[in-house]
Structures are given as structure tokens and as C-alpha cells.
PDB file of N, CA and C in Angstrom:
ATOM      1  N   MET A   1      13.087 207.107 233.478  1.00  0.00           N
ATOM      2  CA  MET A   1      14.356 207.794 233.674  1.00  0.00           C
ATOM      3  C   MET A   1      15.479 206.762 233.788  1.00  0.00           C
ATOM      4  N   VAL A   2      16.507 206.930 232.986  1.00  0.00           N
ATOM      5  CA  VAL A   2      17.646 206.025 233.005  1.00  0.00           C
ATOM      6  C   VAL A   2      18.588 206.440 234.118  1.00  0.00           C
ATOM      7  N   GLN A   3      18.966 205.470 234.941  1.00  0.00           N
ATOM      8  CA  GLN A   3      19.920 205.755 236.016  1.00  0.00           C
ATOM      9  C   GLN A   3      21.206 204.984 235.731  1.00  0.00           C
ATOM     10  N   TYR A   4      22.323 205.614 236.018  1.00  0.00           N
ATOM     11  CA  TYR A   4      23.615 204.999 235.794  1.00  0.00           C
ATOM     12  C   TYR A   4      24.314 204.806 237.125  1.00  0.00           C
ATOM     13  N   PHE A   5      25.151 203.781 237.170  1.00  0.00           N
ATOM     14  CA  PHE A   5      25.885 203.480 238.387  1.00  0.00           C
ATOM     15  C   PHE A   5      26.816 204.633 238.771  1.00  0.00           C
ATOM     16  N   ASP A   6      27.568 205.121 237.802  1.00  0.00           N
ATOM     17  CA  ASP A   6      28.450 206.272 238.048  1.00  0.00           C
ATOM     18  C   ASP A   6      28.771 206.953 236.715  1.00  0.00           C
ATOM     19  N   ARG A   7      29.534 208.019 236.782  1.00  0.00           N
ATOM     20  CA  ARG A   7      29.857 208.814 235.605  1.00  0.00           C
ATOM     21  C   ARG A   7      30.645 208.041 234.552  1.00  0.00           C
ATOM     22  N   LEU A   8      31.374 207.026 234.956  1.00  0.00           N
ATOM     23  CA  LEU A   8      32.157 206.253 233.989  1.00  0.00           C
ATOM     24  C   LEU A   8      31.280 205.623 232.913  1.00  0.00           C
ATOM     25  N   GLU A   9      30.055 205.332 233.248  1.00  0.00           N
ATOM     26  CA  GLU A   9      29.142 204.719 232.289  1.00  0.00           C
ATOM     27  C   GLU A   9      28.683 205.685 231.202  1.00  0.00           C
ATOM     28  N   THR A  10      28.803 206.954 231.455  1.00  0.00           N
ATOM     29  CA  THR A  10      28.284 207.933 230.494  1.00  0.00           C
ATOM     30  C   THR A  10      29.390 208.706 229.777  1.00  0.00           C
ATOM     31  N   ARG A  11      30.619 208.230 229.904  1.00  0.00           N
ATOM     32  CA  ARG A  11      31.726 208.905 229.216  1.00  0.00           C
ATOM     33  C   ARG A  11      31.596 208.772 227.703  1.00  0.00           C
ATOM     34  N   SER A  12      32.154 209.748 227.021  1.00  0.00           N
ATOM     35  CA  SER A  12      32.206 209.655 225.561  1.00  0.00           C
ATOM     36  C   SER A  12      33.273 208.628 225.177  1.00  0.00           C
ATOM     37  N   ALA A  13      33.234 208.202 223.942  1.00  0.00           N
ATOM     38  CA  ALA A  13      34.229 207.241 223.456  1.00  0.00           C
ATOM     39  C   ALA A  13      35.640 207.813 223.575  1.00  0.00           C
ATOM     40  N   ASP A  14      35.798 209.095 223.304  1.00  0.00           N
ATOM     41  CA  ASP A  14      37.116 209.729 223.416  1.00  0.00           C
ATOM     42  C   ASP A  14      37.611 209.755 224.854  1.00  0.00           C
ATOM     43  N   GLU A  15      36.713 210.050 225.791  1.00  0.00           N
ATOM     44  CA  GLU A  15      37.106 210.052 227.210  1.00  0.00           C
ATOM     45  C   GLU A  15      37.506 208.652 227.659  1.00  0.00           C
ATOM     46  N   ARG A  16      36.748 207.657 227.232  1.00  0.00           N
ATOM     47  CA  ARG A  16      37.038 206.272 227.602  1.00  0.00           C
ATOM     48  C   ARG A  16      38.391 205.846 227.033  1.00  0.00           C
ATOM     49  N   GLU A  17      38.625 206.154 225.783  1.00  0.00           N
ATOM     50  CA  GLU A  17      39.895 205.812 225.137  1.00  0.00           C
ATOM     51  C   GLU A  17      41.071 206.488 225.837  1.00  0.00           C
ATOM     52  N   SER A  18      40.924 207.741 226.165  1.00  0.00           N
ATOM     53  CA  SER A  18      41.983 208.474 226.858  1.00  0.00           C
ATOM     54  C   SER A  18      42.284 207.854 228.224  1.00  0.00           C
ATOM     55  N   ALA A  19      41.252 207.494 228.956  1.00  0.00           N
ATOM     56  CA  ALA A  19      41.436 206.878 230.274  1.00  0.00           C
ATOM     57  C   ALA A  19      42.144 205.530 230.155  1.00  0.00           C
ATOM     58  N   LEU A  20      41.757 204.747 229.167  1.00  0.00           N
ATOM     59  CA  LEU A  20      42.393 203.445 228.972  1.00  0.00           C
ATOM     60  C   LEU A  20      43.863 203.597 228.602  1.00  0.00           C
ATOM     61  N   GLN A  21      44.161 204.525 227.712  1.00  0.00           N
ATOM     62  CA  GLN A  21      45.552 204.750 227.313  1.00  0.00           C
ATOM     63  C   GLN A  21      46.385 205.265 228.485  1.00  0.00           C
ATOM     64  N   SER A  22      45.798 206.081 229.330  1.00  0.00           N
ATOM     65  CA  SER A  22      46.513 206.596 230.502  1.00  0.00           C
ATOM     66  C   SER A  22      46.821 205.487 231.500  1.00  0.00           C
ATOM     67  N   ALA A  23      45.971 204.471 231.551  1.00  0.00           N
ATOM     68  CA  ALA A  23      46.152 203.370 232.507  1.00  0.00           C
ATOM     69  C   ALA A  23      47.158 202.323 232.026  1.00  0.00           C
ATOM     70  N   LEU A  24      47.426 202.263 230.741  1.00  0.00           N
ATOM     71  CA  LEU A  24      48.293 201.223 230.193  1.00  0.00           C
ATOM     72  C   LEU A  24      49.677 201.152 230.838  1.00  0.00           C
ATOM     73  N   PRO A  25      50.410 202.243 230.975  1.00  0.00           N
ATOM     74  CA  PRO A  25      51.750 202.137 231.559  1.00  0.00           C
ATOM     75  C   PRO A  25      51.747 201.508 232.955  1.00  0.00           C
ATOM     76  N   ALA A  26      50.806 201.876 233.784  1.00  0.00           N
ATOM     77  CA  ALA A  26      50.742 201.308 235.139  1.00  0.00           C
ATOM     78  C   ALA A  26      50.401 199.822 235.103  1.00  0.00           C
ATOM     79  N   LEU A  27      49.553 199.406 234.173  1.00  0.00           N
ATOM     80  CA  LEU A  27      49.199 197.992 234.060  1.00  0.00           C
ATOM     81  C   LEU A  27      50.400 197.156 233.618  1.00  0.00           C
ATOM     82  N   VAL A  28      51.162 197.666 232.671  1.00  0.00           N
ATOM     83  CA  VAL A  28      52.357 196.954 232.214  1.00  0.00           C
ATOM     84  C   VAL A  28      53.394 196.902 233.336  1.00  0.00           C
ATOM     85  N   ALA A  29      53.570 197.993 234.046  1.00  0.00           N
ATOM     86  CA  ALA A  29      54.516 198.020 235.166  1.00  0.00           C
ATOM     87  C   ALA A  29      54.093 197.027 236.246  1.00  0.00           C
ATOM     88  N   HIS A  30      52.810 196.951 236.528  1.00  0.00           N
ATOM     89  CA  HIS A  30      52.302 196.009 237.531  1.00  0.00           C
ATOM     90  C   HIS A  30      52.591 194.566 237.104  1.00  0.00           C
ATOM     91  N   ALA A  31      52.331 194.250 235.855  1.00  0.00           N
ATOM     92  CA  ALA A  31      52.588 192.893 235.359  1.00  0.00           C
ATOM     93  C   ALA A  31      54.067 192.541 235.499  1.00  0.00           C
ATOM     94  N   LYS A  32      54.937 193.475 235.157  1.00  0.00           N
ATOM     95  CA  LYS A  32      56.376 193.224 235.274  1.00  0.00           C
ATOM     96  C   LYS A  32      56.806 193.054 236.726  1.00  0.00           C
ATOM     97  N   ALA A  33      56.210 193.819 237.617  1.00  0.00           N
ATOM     98  CA  ALA A  33      56.604 193.783 239.024  1.00  0.00           C
ATOM     99  C   ALA A  33      56.062 192.568 239.763  1.00  0.00           C
ATOM    100  N   LYS A  34      54.916 192.066 239.360  1.00  0.00           N
ATOM    101  CA  LYS A  34      54.242 191.017 240.126  1.00  0.00           C
ATOM    102  C   LYS A  34      54.343 189.620 239.516  1.00  0.00           C
ATOM    103  N   SER A  35      54.830 189.496 238.306  1.00  0.00           N
ATOM    104  CA  SER A  35      54.873 188.203 237.638  1.00  0.00           C
ATOM    105  C   SER A  35      56.264 187.940 237.079  1.00  0.00           C
ATOM    106  N   PRO A  36      56.954 186.921 237.582  1.00  0.00           N
ATOM    107  CA  PRO A  36      58.268 186.604 237.024  1.00  0.00           C
ATOM    108  C   PRO A  36      58.209 186.321 235.521  1.00  0.00           C
ATOM    109  N   TYR A  37      57.132 185.681 235.083  1.00  0.00           N
ATOM    110  CA  TYR A  37      57.004 185.390 233.650  1.00  0.00           C
ATOM    111  C   TYR A  37      56.955 186.682 232.842  1.00  0.00           C
ATOM    112  N   PHE A  38      56.092 187.613 233.231  1.00  0.00           N
ATOM    113  CA  PHE A  38      55.980 188.858 232.482  1.00  0.00           C
ATOM    114  C   PHE A  38      57.207 189.747 232.685  1.00  0.00           C
ATOM    115  N   ALA A  39      57.879 189.628 233.810  1.00  0.00           N
ATOM    116  CA  ALA A  39      59.128 190.377 234.003  1.00  0.00           C
ATOM    117  C   ALA A  39      60.148 189.945 232.947  1.00  0.00           C
ATOM    118  N   ARG A  40      60.227 188.628 232.696  1.00  0.00           N
ATOM    119  CA  ARG A  40      61.148 188.134 231.659  1.00  0.00           C
ATOM    120  C   ARG A  40      60.651 188.505 230.263  1.00  0.00           C
ATOM    121  N   LEU A  41      59.370 188.272 230.017  1.00  0.00           N
ATOM    122  CA  LEU A  41      58.808 188.518 228.694  1.00  0.00           C
ATOM    123  C   LEU A  41      58.924 189.990 228.288  1.00  0.00           C
ATOM    124  N   LEU A  42      58.731 190.878 229.250  1.00  0.00           N
ATOM    125  CA  LEU A  42      58.718 192.314 228.971  1.00  0.00           C
ATOM    126  C   LEU A  42      59.988 193.015 229.464  1.00  0.00           C
ATOM    127  N   ALA A  43      61.064 192.260 229.620  1.00  0.00           N
ATOM    128  CA  ALA A  43      62.307 192.817 230.169  1.00  0.00           C
ATOM    129  C   ALA A  43      62.798 194.043 229.408  1.00  0.00           C
ATOM    130  N   SER A  44      62.638 194.039 228.108  1.00  0.00           N
ATOM    131  CA  SER A  44      63.149 195.157 227.311  1.00  0.00           C
ATOM    132  C   SER A  44      62.113 196.264 227.102  1.00  0.00           C
ATOM    133  N   VAL A  45      60.957 196.134 227.746  1.00  0.00           N
ATOM    134  CA  VAL A  45      59.868 197.098 227.572  1.00  0.00           C
ATOM    135  C   VAL A  45      59.874 198.114 228.710  1.00  0.00           C
ATOM    136  N   ASP A  46      59.858 199.374 228.370  1.00  0.00           N
ATOM    137  CA  ASP A  46      59.689 200.431 229.369  1.00  0.00           C
ATOM    138  C   ASP A  46      58.191 200.721 229.444  1.00  0.00           C
ATOM    139  N   PRO A  47      57.556 200.435 230.589  1.00  0.00           N
ATOM    140  CA  PRO A  47      56.113 200.635 230.695  1.00  0.00           C
ATOM    141  C   PRO A  47      55.650 202.039 230.304  1.00  0.00           C
ATOM    142  N   ARG A  48      56.494 203.033 230.526  1.00  0.00           N
ATOM    143  CA  ARG A  48      56.119 204.414 230.182  1.00  0.00           C
ATOM    144  C   ARG A  48      55.910 204.601 228.687  1.00  0.00           C
ATOM    145  N   ASP A  49      56.476 203.688 227.888  1.00  0.00           N
ATOM    146  CA  ASP A  49      56.338 203.780 226.439  1.00  0.00           C
ATOM    147  C   ASP A  49      55.040 203.148 225.922  1.00  0.00           C
ATOM    148  N   ILE A  50      54.310 202.463 226.791  1.00  0.00           N
ATOM    149  CA  ILE A  50      53.089 201.768 226.375  1.00  0.00           C
ATOM    150  C   ILE A  50      51.891 202.634 226.752  1.00  0.00           C
ATOM    151  N   ALA A  51      51.599 203.582 225.897  1.00  0.00           N
ATOM    152  CA  ALA A  51      50.520 204.535 226.175  1.00  0.00           C
ATOM    153  C   ALA A  51      49.604 204.742 224.972  1.00  0.00           C
ATOM    154  N   SER A  52      49.578 203.749 224.087  1.00  0.00           N
ATOM    155  CA  SER A  52      48.705 203.855 222.921  1.00  0.00           C
ATOM    156  C   SER A  52      48.348 202.448 222.450  1.00  0.00           C
ATOM    157  N   ARG A  53      47.335 202.361 221.625  1.00  0.00           N
ATOM    158  CA  ARG A  53      46.960 201.063 221.045  1.00  0.00           C
ATOM    159  C   ARG A  53      48.100 200.512 220.196  1.00  0.00           C
ATOM    160  N   HIS A  54      48.772 201.393 219.484  1.00  0.00           N
ATOM    161  CA  HIS A  54      49.887 200.965 218.625  1.00  0.00           C
ATOM    162  C   HIS A  54      50.996 200.336 219.474  1.00  0.00           C
ATOM    163  N   ALA A  55      51.362 200.984 220.574  1.00  0.00           N
ATOM    164  CA  ALA A  55      52.413 200.448 221.452  1.00  0.00           C
ATOM    165  C   ALA A  55      51.958 199.137 222.100  1.00  0.00           C
ATOM    166  N   LEU A  56      50.712 199.062 222.490  1.00  0.00           N
ATOM    167  CA  LEU A  56      50.173 197.839 223.085  1.00  0.00           C
ATOM    168  C   LEU A  56      50.234 196.690 222.083  1.00  0.00           C
ATOM    169  N   ALA A  57      49.895 196.968 220.841  1.00  0.00           N
ATOM    170  CA  ALA A  57      49.905 195.934 219.808  1.00  0.00           C
ATOM    171  C   ALA A  57      51.311 195.416 219.511  1.00  0.00           C
ATOM    172  N   ALA A  58      52.331 196.194 219.841  1.00  0.00           N
ATOM    173  CA  ALA A  58      53.716 195.784 219.586  1.00  0.00           C
ATOM    174  C   ALA A  58      54.273 194.876 220.680  1.00  0.00           C
ATOM    175  N   LEU A  59      53.560 194.735 221.791  1.00  0.00           N
ATOM    176  CA  LEU A  59      54.036 193.868 222.874  1.00  0.00           C
ATOM    177  C   LEU A  59      53.962 192.404 222.450  1.00  0.00           C
ATOM    178  N   PRO A  60      54.846 191.574 222.994  1.00  0.00           N
ATOM    179  CA  PRO A  60      54.779 190.156 222.664  1.00  0.00           C
ATOM    180  C   PRO A  60      53.476 189.540 223.181  1.00  0.00           C
ATOM    181  N   VAL A  61      52.989 188.565 222.449  1.00  0.00           N
ATOM    182  CA  VAL A  61      51.740 187.896 222.795  1.00  0.00           C
ATOM    183  C   VAL A  61      52.057 186.522 223.360  1.00  0.00           C
ATOM    184  N   THR A  62      51.370 186.134 224.408  1.00  0.00           N
ATOM    185  CA  THR A  62      51.485 184.790 224.957  1.00  0.00           C
ATOM    186  C   THR A  62      50.249 184.013 224.538  1.00  0.00           C
ATOM    187  N   ARG A  63      50.461 182.954 223.824  1.00  0.00           N
ATOM    188  CA  ARG A  63      49.357 182.117 223.355  1.00  0.00           C
ATOM    189  C   ARG A  63      48.926 181.143 224.456  1.00  0.00           C
ATOM    190  N   LYS A  64      47.681 180.721 224.408  1.00  0.00           N
ATOM    191  CA  LYS A  64      47.155 179.779 225.390  1.00  0.00           C
ATOM    192  C   LYS A  64      48.004 178.507 225.430  1.00  0.00           C
ATOM    193  N   SER A  65      48.416 178.027 224.280  1.00  0.00           N
ATOM    194  CA  SER A  65      49.239 176.808 224.232  1.00  0.00           C
ATOM    195  C   SER A  65      50.569 177.011 224.960  1.00  0.00           C
ATOM    196  N   GLN A  66      51.113 178.218 224.891  1.00  0.00           N
ATOM    197  CA  GLN A  66      52.358 178.508 225.596  1.00  0.00           C
ATOM    198  C   GLN A  66      52.139 178.496 227.106  1.00  0.00           C
ATOM    199  N   LEU A  67      50.998 179.004 227.544  1.00  0.00           N
ATOM    200  CA  LEU A  67      50.691 178.979 228.975  1.00  0.00           C
ATOM    201  C   LEU A  67      50.579 177.546 229.473  1.00  0.00           C
ATOM    202  N   LEU A  68      49.911 176.705 228.706  1.00  0.00           N
ATOM    203  CA  LEU A  68      49.765 175.309 229.089  1.00  0.00           C
ATOM    204  C   LEU A  68      51.123 174.620 229.193  1.00  0.00           C
ATOM    205  N   GLU A  69      52.007 174.876 228.241  1.00  0.00           N
ATOM    206  CA  GLU A  69      53.351 174.302 228.276  1.00  0.00           C
ATOM    207  C   GLU A  69      54.101 174.746 229.526  1.00  0.00           C
ATOM    208  N   ARG A  70      54.008 176.023 229.854  1.00  0.00           N
ATOM    209  CA  ARG A  70      54.702 176.544 231.037  1.00  0.00           C
ATOM    210  C   ARG A  70      54.128 175.938 232.310  1.00  0.00           C
ATOM    211  N   GLN A  71      52.815 175.790 232.378  1.00  0.00           N
ATOM    212  CA  GLN A  71      52.191 175.214 233.565  1.00  0.00           C
ATOM    213  C   GLN A  71      52.579 173.752 233.733  1.00  0.00           C
ATOM    214  N   GLU A  72      52.634 173.013 232.648  1.00  0.00           N
ATOM    215  CA  GLU A  72      53.028 171.612 232.721  1.00  0.00           C
ATOM    216  C   GLU A  72      54.467 171.475 233.199  1.00  0.00           C
ATOM    217  N   GLY A  73      55.304 172.416 232.849  1.00  0.00           N
ATOM    218  CA  GLY A  73      56.699 172.391 233.273  1.00  0.00           C
ATOM    219  C   GLY A  73      56.888 172.694 234.748  1.00  0.00           C
ATOM    220  N   HIS A  74      55.872 173.261 235.393  1.00  0.00           N
ATOM    221  CA  HIS A  74      55.960 173.632 236.812  1.00  0.00           C
ATOM    222  C   HIS A  74      54.883 172.929 237.624  1.00  0.00           C
ATOM    223  N   GLU A  75      54.492 171.725 237.200  1.00  0.00           N
ATOM    224  CA  GLU A  75      53.339 171.050 237.772  1.00  0.00           C
ATOM    225  C   GLU A  75      53.367 170.929 239.289  1.00  0.00           C
ATOM    226  N   GLY A  76      54.420 170.420 239.872  1.00  0.00           N
ATOM    227  CA  GLY A  76      54.447 170.203 241.318  1.00  0.00           C
ATOM    228  C   GLY A  76      54.798 171.437 242.131  1.00  0.00           C
ATOM    229  N   GLN A  77      55.214 172.475 241.490  1.00  0.00           N
ATOM    230  CA  GLN A  77      55.701 173.667 242.183  1.00  0.00           C
ATOM    231  C   GLN A  77      54.619 174.361 242.997  1.00  0.00           C
ATOM    232  N   PHE A  78      53.364 174.293 242.570  1.00  0.00           N
ATOM    233  CA  PHE A  78      52.310 175.052 243.224  1.00  0.00           C
ATOM    234  C   PHE A  78      51.416 174.215 244.110  1.00  0.00           C
ATOM    235  N   SER A  79      51.651 172.923 244.188  1.00  0.00           N
ATOM    236  CA  SER A  79      50.798 172.093 245.047  1.00  0.00           C
ATOM    237  C   SER A  79      51.204 172.247 246.502  1.00  0.00           C
ATOM    238  N   GLN A  80      50.239 172.003 247.391  1.00  0.00           N
ATOM    239  CA  GLN A  80      50.527 172.174 248.832  1.00  0.00           C
ATOM    240  C   GLN A  80      50.680 170.872 249.536  1.00  0.00           C
TER     241      GLN A  80
END
């Protein structure tokens, strides 16, 4: 007998997709509220508009190399 941790493990693909799309606006809003970098990057984005894969794909992308550049520019800022 197969046992699952909870019902989330047995959702259909459509249910999973719907749940993920419903969570997107709150995730974008959280990033804007908690991160000065993402607040600037997403300044023109209304989180309520990010509720689909298409809208998510239209958001600006931060490359790993860009993160490294930003971290190097703030090297001493986070040391104790």
C-alpha cells in the first residue's frame, strides 16, 4: 500500500498548476517587500498581474554573474 505524506502529493497536474499560479502574486509581492534589490528590479511590476506562466516569463531575469557583481560592490556592508 502506497502512503503519501499529504494530499498535495496526489494532486492532479491541473490542480498543482492552479495552486502555483495562485501563489505567484504573493511571492512577487513578498520579494518586492523584503528585498531592496527586487523592489528596484520589479518597481514597475504589479504583483497582482503575475498570475500565469506567461506573466512570470515576462519578468526581468537576474543572472548569476549579475549577483556576483552586486555582491562584490557591497563586500564590507554585511560583515560583522
